[in-house]
Amino acid sequence: MTHYEINHATGSSASVSFFGIPYADFDRTGHWAIWYVSKMFEAARILALYNGFIDFTKIDGREAALVIVKQQLKLIPKLHEKGMNVKFTMLFDLRLVEVGKTSVQFVIEFKDGNTREVYGENLIKMVRMSRKTRRPVTFPEWFYEKYGSYRNSYGSTQALPRDALPKIRDNAFKFDLIPRHSDSDRNNHVNQSSYIKFCMDAATHASLSGHYVHFNEDMCLYAPLLWTISYVGESRANDELSIYTWQNEAGSPEHIQFSILLNGRLIFHASAIFEKQAKKKRLLPKL
């Protein structure tokens, strides 16, 4: 991770700055990989949470843990073009959006630290789960009192909706994969960003195999614009995963769906939108 500064962190908001994009974050085409962009959002989130945001350390412990169940990433095409030779201060502003009976939602806005140009937004929904039963549990009463103005009875236009997940199409492209220990988080579950990387591998294989309409090159060359992700289950290193990918109707080939199954059971779904025009390989690809 790059050098960082915690600008401020309170119960309902936080701000974190990073300085420069590491070489390791660039993919084989020389562009900033979407899964590492996701990791940068994750870094900002973790730093904020452990420094006071939403009183995380008081509601996540031995009895219960906050688990991501859904997230949405919105990015502008310009972010895909960021290079190593540009001085770049990244500013991540976090803001609490909604508090439910067992869940919290917050948004992370990614800006240029100097110009304040917005490069992206990450909306996160976390559910408080019992570590013993793996079922949702309520927050302490003081939490509802402190964050009463964010209770979902007030409603929020920015909150993630509860949409039904699409069924896998009969003509979906299948890609099998086994996660490694390096894909895991501290709980030995596959990390959220690793699933995005798996999807990109499946998408590139489908594209280069001629399965997709319109796309026929390495998918890392197409700027990612929107990812809406649902985490239904979990997986670990050495599990055998099956990734299915397909496109929406012919009129919107840039809209690609992904479903990941473990032992025939859905554990992950992502709906992604890419820019239609492929970029050229950069001067600093991985050798």
Protein backbone atom coordinates (compact mmCIF):
# COMPACT_ATOMS: atom_id res chain seq x y z
CA MET A 1 0.00 0.00 0.00
CA THR A 2 1.13 3.56 -0.66
CA HIS A 3 1.80 6.11 2.08
CA TYR A 4 -1.41 7.32 3.69
CA GLU A 5 -2.81 9.95 6.03
CA ILE A 6 -6.03 9.81 8.04
CA ASN A 7 -7.44 13.30 7.64
CA HIS A 8 -10.31 12.73 10.06
CA ALA A 9 -12.56 9.96 11.34
CA THR A 10 -15.82 10.29 13.27
CA GLY A 11 -18.83 8.04 13.72
CA SER A 12 -20.61 9.27 10.60
CA SER A 13 -17.76 10.38 8.32
CA ALA A 14 -14.06 9.91 7.61
CA SER A 15 -11.39 10.97 5.14
CA VAL A 16 -8.19 9.18 4.10
CA SER A 17 -5.46 10.24 1.63
CA PHE A 18 -3.03 8.04 -0.30
CA PHE A 19 -0.04 9.17 -2.34
CA GLY A 20 0.82 7.44 -5.60
CA ILE A 21 -0.23 4.19 -7.29
CA PRO A 22 2.11 1.21 -6.69
CA TYR A 23 3.64 -0.51 -9.73
CA ALA A 24 2.11 -3.79 -8.55
CA ASP A 25 -1.37 -2.34 -9.09
CA PHE A 26 -0.96 -2.15 -12.87
CA ASP A 27 -2.13 -5.12 -14.93
CA ARG A 28 -0.49 -6.85 -17.89
CA THR A 29 -1.80 -4.16 -20.27
CA GLY A 30 -0.30 -1.32 -18.23
CA HIS A 31 -3.63 -0.07 -16.85
CA TRP A 32 -4.70 0.26 -13.22
CA ALA A 33 -6.39 -3.09 -12.57
CA ILE A 34 -10.00 -2.91 -11.39
CA TRP A 35 -9.35 -5.45 -8.62
CA TYR A 36 -6.57 -3.23 -7.24
CA VAL A 37 -8.78 -0.15 -7.50
CA SER A 38 -11.19 -2.13 -5.34
CA LYS A 39 -8.35 -2.88 -2.91
CA MET A 40 -7.60 0.84 -2.63
CA PHE A 41 -11.21 1.48 -1.64
CA GLU A 42 -10.83 -1.41 0.81
CA ALA A 43 -7.71 0.16 2.32
CA ALA A 44 -9.52 3.47 2.87
CA ARG A 45 -12.45 1.61 4.40
CA ILE A 46 -10.29 -0.42 6.80
CA LEU A 47 -8.29 2.60 7.96
CA ALA A 48 -11.46 4.58 8.60
CA LEU A 49 -13.23 1.73 10.40
CA TYR A 50 -10.34 1.09 12.79
CA ASN A 51 -10.04 4.78 13.59
CA GLY A 52 -13.59 5.51 14.72
CA PHE A 53 -15.88 5.39 11.67
CA ILE A 54 -19.31 3.92 12.64
CA ASP A 55 -17.77 2.86 16.00
CA PHE A 56 -16.57 -0.26 14.18
CA THR A 57 -14.33 -1.63 16.95
CA LYS A 58 -17.29 -1.56 19.38
CA ILE A 59 -19.68 -3.55 17.17
CA ASP A 60 -17.19 -5.97 15.55
CA GLY A 61 -15.56 -8.40 17.97
CA ARG A 62 -15.57 -11.93 19.35
CA GLU A 63 -19.34 -12.32 19.31
CA ALA A 64 -20.23 -10.68 15.99
CA ALA A 65 -18.57 -9.34 12.85
CA LEU A 66 -19.51 -6.90 10.11
CA VAL A 67 -19.58 -8.68 6.75
CA ILE A 68 -19.93 -7.13 3.29
CA VAL A 69 -23.02 -8.49 1.54
CA LYS A 70 -23.24 -6.05 -1.36
CA GLN A 71 -21.21 -3.29 -2.95
CA GLN A 72 -21.29 -1.06 -6.00
CA LEU A 73 -18.30 0.51 -7.73
CA LYS A 74 -18.81 3.47 -10.08
CA LEU A 75 -15.72 4.68 -11.96
CA ILE A 76 -15.05 7.23 -14.67
CA PRO A 77 -13.08 6.12 -17.79
CA LYS A 78 -10.31 8.60 -17.00
CA LEU A 79 -9.26 6.52 -13.99
CA HIS A 80 -8.34 3.64 -16.31
CA GLU A 81 -5.75 5.91 -17.95
CA LYS A 82 -3.86 6.85 -14.78
CA GLY A 83 -0.16 6.05 -15.07
CA MET A 84 2.85 5.63 -12.81
CA ASN A 85 4.62 8.76 -13.98
CA VAL A 86 1.91 11.13 -12.72
CA LYS A 87 1.98 12.55 -9.20
CA PHE A 88 -1.38 11.59 -7.83
CA THR A 89 -2.84 12.28 -4.41
CA MET A 90 -5.93 10.15 -3.82
CA LEU A 91 -8.60 11.35 -1.43
CA PHE A 92 -11.26 8.98 -0.09
CA ASP A 93 -14.19 10.54 1.76
CA LEU A 94 -16.50 8.17 3.66
CA ARG A 95 -20.03 9.01 4.73
CA LEU A 96 -22.65 6.95 6.56
CA VAL A 97 -25.81 6.55 4.47
CA GLU A 98 -28.20 4.25 6.31
CA VAL A 99 -28.52 2.13 9.46
CA GLY A 100 -30.88 -0.84 9.43
CA LYS A 101 -31.85 -3.39 12.05
CA THR A 102 -28.77 -5.53 11.36
CA SER A 103 -27.00 -3.60 8.59
CA VAL A 104 -25.15 -0.39 7.77
CA GLN A 105 -24.59 1.28 4.41
CA PHE A 106 -22.00 3.89 3.63
CA VAL A 107 -20.47 5.52 0.58
CA ILE A 108 -16.80 6.16 -0.23
CA GLU A 109 -16.10 8.94 -2.72
CA PHE A 110 -12.75 8.81 -4.54
CA LYS A 111 -11.35 12.20 -5.58
CA ASP A 112 -8.18 13.76 -6.88
CA GLY A 113 -6.68 15.19 -3.71
CA ASN A 114 -5.55 18.35 -5.48
CA THR A 115 -8.31 19.19 -7.97
CA ARG A 116 -11.18 17.44 -6.10
CA GLU A 117 -12.26 15.83 -9.38
CA VAL A 118 -14.38 12.77 -8.58
CA TYR A 119 -12.99 9.53 -10.04
CA GLY A 120 -15.31 7.03 -8.47
CA GLU A 121 -17.72 5.98 -5.78
CA ASN A 122 -18.05 2.82 -3.71
CA LEU A 123 -21.33 2.06 -1.96
CA ILE A 124 -21.03 -0.64 0.70
CA LYS A 125 -23.63 -2.65 2.61
CA MET A 126 -22.41 -4.58 5.66
CA VAL A 127 -24.44 -6.90 7.88
CA ARG A 128 -23.62 -7.70 11.50
CA MET A 129 -23.29 -11.49 11.72
CA SER A 130 -22.99 -13.80 14.71
CA ARG A 131 -19.63 -15.57 14.52
CA LYS A 132 -21.24 -18.66 16.03
CA THR A 133 -24.47 -19.02 14.04
CA ARG A 134 -23.51 -17.01 10.92
CA ARG A 135 -26.92 -15.33 11.17
CA PRO A 136 -27.63 -11.56 11.26
CA VAL A 137 -27.74 -10.03 14.75
CA THR A 138 -28.89 -6.63 15.95
CA PHE A 139 -26.65 -3.81 17.10
CA PRO A 140 -26.41 -2.68 20.73
CA GLU A 141 -29.16 -0.26 21.74
CA TRP A 142 -26.69 2.61 22.13
CA PHE A 143 -25.78 2.23 18.44
CA TYR A 144 -29.38 2.84 17.34
CA GLU A 145 -29.62 5.81 19.69
CA LYS A 146 -26.40 7.37 18.41
CA TYR A 147 -27.22 6.84 14.72
CA GLY A 148 -30.99 7.24 14.96
CA SER A 149 -31.07 9.86 12.20
CA TYR A 150 -29.71 7.24 9.78
CA ARG A 151 -32.31 4.55 10.52
CA ASN A 152 -33.81 3.07 7.34
CA SER A 153 -37.28 4.25 8.34
CA TYR A 154 -36.13 7.63 7.06
CA GLY A 155 -35.27 6.17 3.63
CA SER A 156 -32.30 6.94 1.42
CA THR A 157 -32.03 7.50 -2.32
CA GLN A 158 -28.42 6.28 -2.22
CA ALA A 159 -28.97 2.97 -0.44
CA LEU A 160 -28.38 -0.25 -2.38
CA PRO A 161 -31.66 -1.85 -3.53
CA ARG A 162 -32.63 -5.46 -2.89
CA ASP A 163 -32.77 -6.73 -6.46
CA ALA A 164 -33.33 -10.36 -7.40
CA LEU A 165 -30.23 -11.95 -8.91
CA PRO A 166 -30.52 -13.12 -12.55
CA LYS A 167 -30.47 -16.79 -13.46
CA ILE A 168 -27.46 -18.18 -15.30
CA ARG A 169 -28.23 -18.41 -19.00
CA ASP A 170 -28.01 -21.68 -20.86
CA ASN A 171 -25.43 -20.22 -23.25
CA ALA A 172 -23.21 -18.79 -20.49
CA PHE A 173 -19.45 -19.25 -20.78
CA LYS A 174 -18.00 -21.47 -18.02
CA PHE A 175 -14.56 -20.96 -16.50
CA ASP A 176 -13.24 -23.19 -13.69
CA LEU A 177 -10.78 -21.85 -11.14
CA ILE A 178 -9.14 -22.83 -7.83
CA PRO A 179 -8.36 -19.95 -5.43
CA ARG A 180 -4.96 -19.90 -3.73
CA HIS A 181 -4.04 -18.87 -0.21
CA SER A 182 -2.76 -15.57 -1.62
CA ASP A 183 -6.36 -14.80 -2.67
CA SER A 184 -7.58 -14.99 0.93
CA ASP A 185 -8.21 -12.46 3.69
CA ARG A 186 -7.36 -12.65 7.42
CA ASN A 187 -10.33 -14.98 8.01
CA ASN A 188 -9.03 -17.36 5.32
CA HIS A 189 -11.97 -16.53 3.07
CA VAL A 190 -11.42 -15.42 -0.53
CA ASN A 191 -11.07 -11.62 -0.48
CA GLN A 192 -13.67 -9.41 -2.16
CA SER A 193 -11.14 -8.07 -4.68
CA SER A 194 -10.02 -11.59 -5.62
CA TYR A 195 -13.52 -12.36 -6.90
CA ILE A 196 -13.29 -9.35 -9.21
CA LYS A 197 -9.95 -10.63 -10.50
CA PHE A 198 -11.49 -14.08 -11.08
CA CYS A 199 -14.31 -12.48 -13.07
CA MET A 200 -11.85 -10.51 -15.18
CA ASP A 201 -9.90 -13.70 -15.93
CA ALA A 202 -13.12 -15.44 -16.98
CA ALA A 203 -14.17 -12.43 -19.06
CA THR A 204 -10.84 -12.26 -20.88
CA HIS A 205 -10.99 -15.99 -21.61
CA ALA A 206 -14.54 -15.60 -22.95
CA SER A 207 -13.58 -12.55 -25.01
CA LEU A 208 -10.46 -14.10 -26.57
CA SER A 209 -12.40 -17.32 -27.24
CA GLY A 210 -14.96 -15.41 -29.31
CA HIS A 211 -17.83 -16.05 -26.92
CA TYR A 212 -18.81 -12.43 -26.34
CA VAL A 213 -20.54 -10.14 -28.81
CA HIS A 214 -18.48 -7.02 -29.62
CA PHE A 215 -15.60 -7.74 -27.20
CA ASN A 216 -12.70 -9.73 -28.67
CA GLU A 217 -9.60 -8.46 -26.84
CA ASP A 218 -8.11 -8.67 -23.35
CA MET A 219 -10.87 -7.30 -21.09
CA CYS A 220 -8.28 -5.31 -19.13
CA LEU A 221 -8.15 -2.99 -22.17
CA TYR A 222 -11.79 -1.94 -21.66
CA ALA A 223 -12.36 0.66 -18.95
CA PRO A 224 -14.62 -0.62 -16.14
CA LEU A 225 -17.50 1.78 -15.44
CA LEU A 226 -19.83 0.03 -13.01
CA TRP A 227 -19.70 -3.11 -10.88
CA THR A 228 -22.66 -4.16 -8.73
CA ILE A 229 -21.67 -7.12 -6.56
CA SER A 230 -23.62 -9.44 -4.25
CA TYR A 231 -21.86 -11.78 -1.83
CA VAL A 232 -24.15 -14.74 -1.19
CA GLY A 233 -21.65 -17.18 0.33
CA GLU A 234 -17.97 -17.77 0.99
CA SER A 235 -15.10 -19.80 -0.41
CA ARG A 236 -11.59 -20.72 0.69
CA ALA A 237 -8.26 -21.61 -0.84
CA ASN A 238 -8.33 -24.83 -2.90
CA ASP A 239 -12.10 -24.78 -3.35
CA GLU A 240 -13.18 -25.61 -6.90
CA LEU A 241 -15.12 -22.64 -8.26
CA SER A 242 -17.16 -22.45 -11.46
CA ILE A 243 -17.50 -18.98 -12.99
CA TYR A 244 -20.29 -18.35 -15.49
CA THR A 245 -20.40 -15.21 -17.60
CA TRP A 246 -22.85 -13.91 -20.18
CA GLN A 247 -23.98 -10.67 -21.75
CA ASN A 248 -27.28 -8.88 -21.51
CA GLU A 249 -29.46 -8.45 -24.58
CA ALA A 250 -27.75 -7.81 -27.92
CA GLY A 251 -28.47 -4.09 -27.65
CA SER A 252 -26.18 -3.70 -24.63
CA PRO A 253 -23.13 -5.96 -25.08
CA GLU A 254 -21.15 -3.78 -22.65
CA HIS A 255 -23.29 -5.14 -19.80
CA ILE A 256 -21.75 -8.42 -18.60
CA GLN A 257 -22.97 -10.75 -15.86
CA PHE A 258 -20.93 -13.08 -13.65
CA SER A 259 -22.04 -15.85 -11.29
CA ILE A 260 -19.62 -17.91 -9.20
CA LEU A 261 -20.70 -21.30 -7.87
CA LEU A 262 -19.16 -23.56 -5.23
CA ASN A 263 -20.41 -27.16 -5.29
CA GLY A 264 -23.30 -26.05 -7.48
CA ARG A 265 -24.36 -23.30 -5.06
CA LEU A 266 -24.24 -19.59 -5.90
CA ILE A 267 -21.81 -17.67 -3.67
CA PHE A 268 -21.17 -14.52 -5.74
CA HIS A 269 -22.82 -12.46 -8.45
CA ALA A 270 -21.60 -9.37 -10.27
CA SER A 271 -23.17 -7.17 -12.91
CA ALA A 272 -20.52 -5.13 -14.74
CA ILE A 273 -20.55 -2.44 -17.42
CA PHE A 274 -17.46 -1.75 -19.54
CA GLU A 275 -16.55 0.96 -22.01
CA LYS A 276 -17.06 -0.37 -25.54
CA GLN A 277 -13.81 0.92 -27.02
CA ALA A 278 -10.61 -0.94 -26.12
CA LYS A 279 -7.61 1.14 -25.04
CA LYS A 280 -4.11 0.50 -26.31
CA LYS A 281 -1.51 -1.29 -24.23
CA ARG A 282 0.49 1.16 -22.12
CA LEU A 283 4.24 1.70 -22.20
CA LEU A 284 4.65 0.11 -18.77
CA PRO A 285 3.04 -3.33 -19.06
CA LYS A 286 4.14 -6.25 -16.91
CA LEU A 287 7.08 -8.09 -18.48
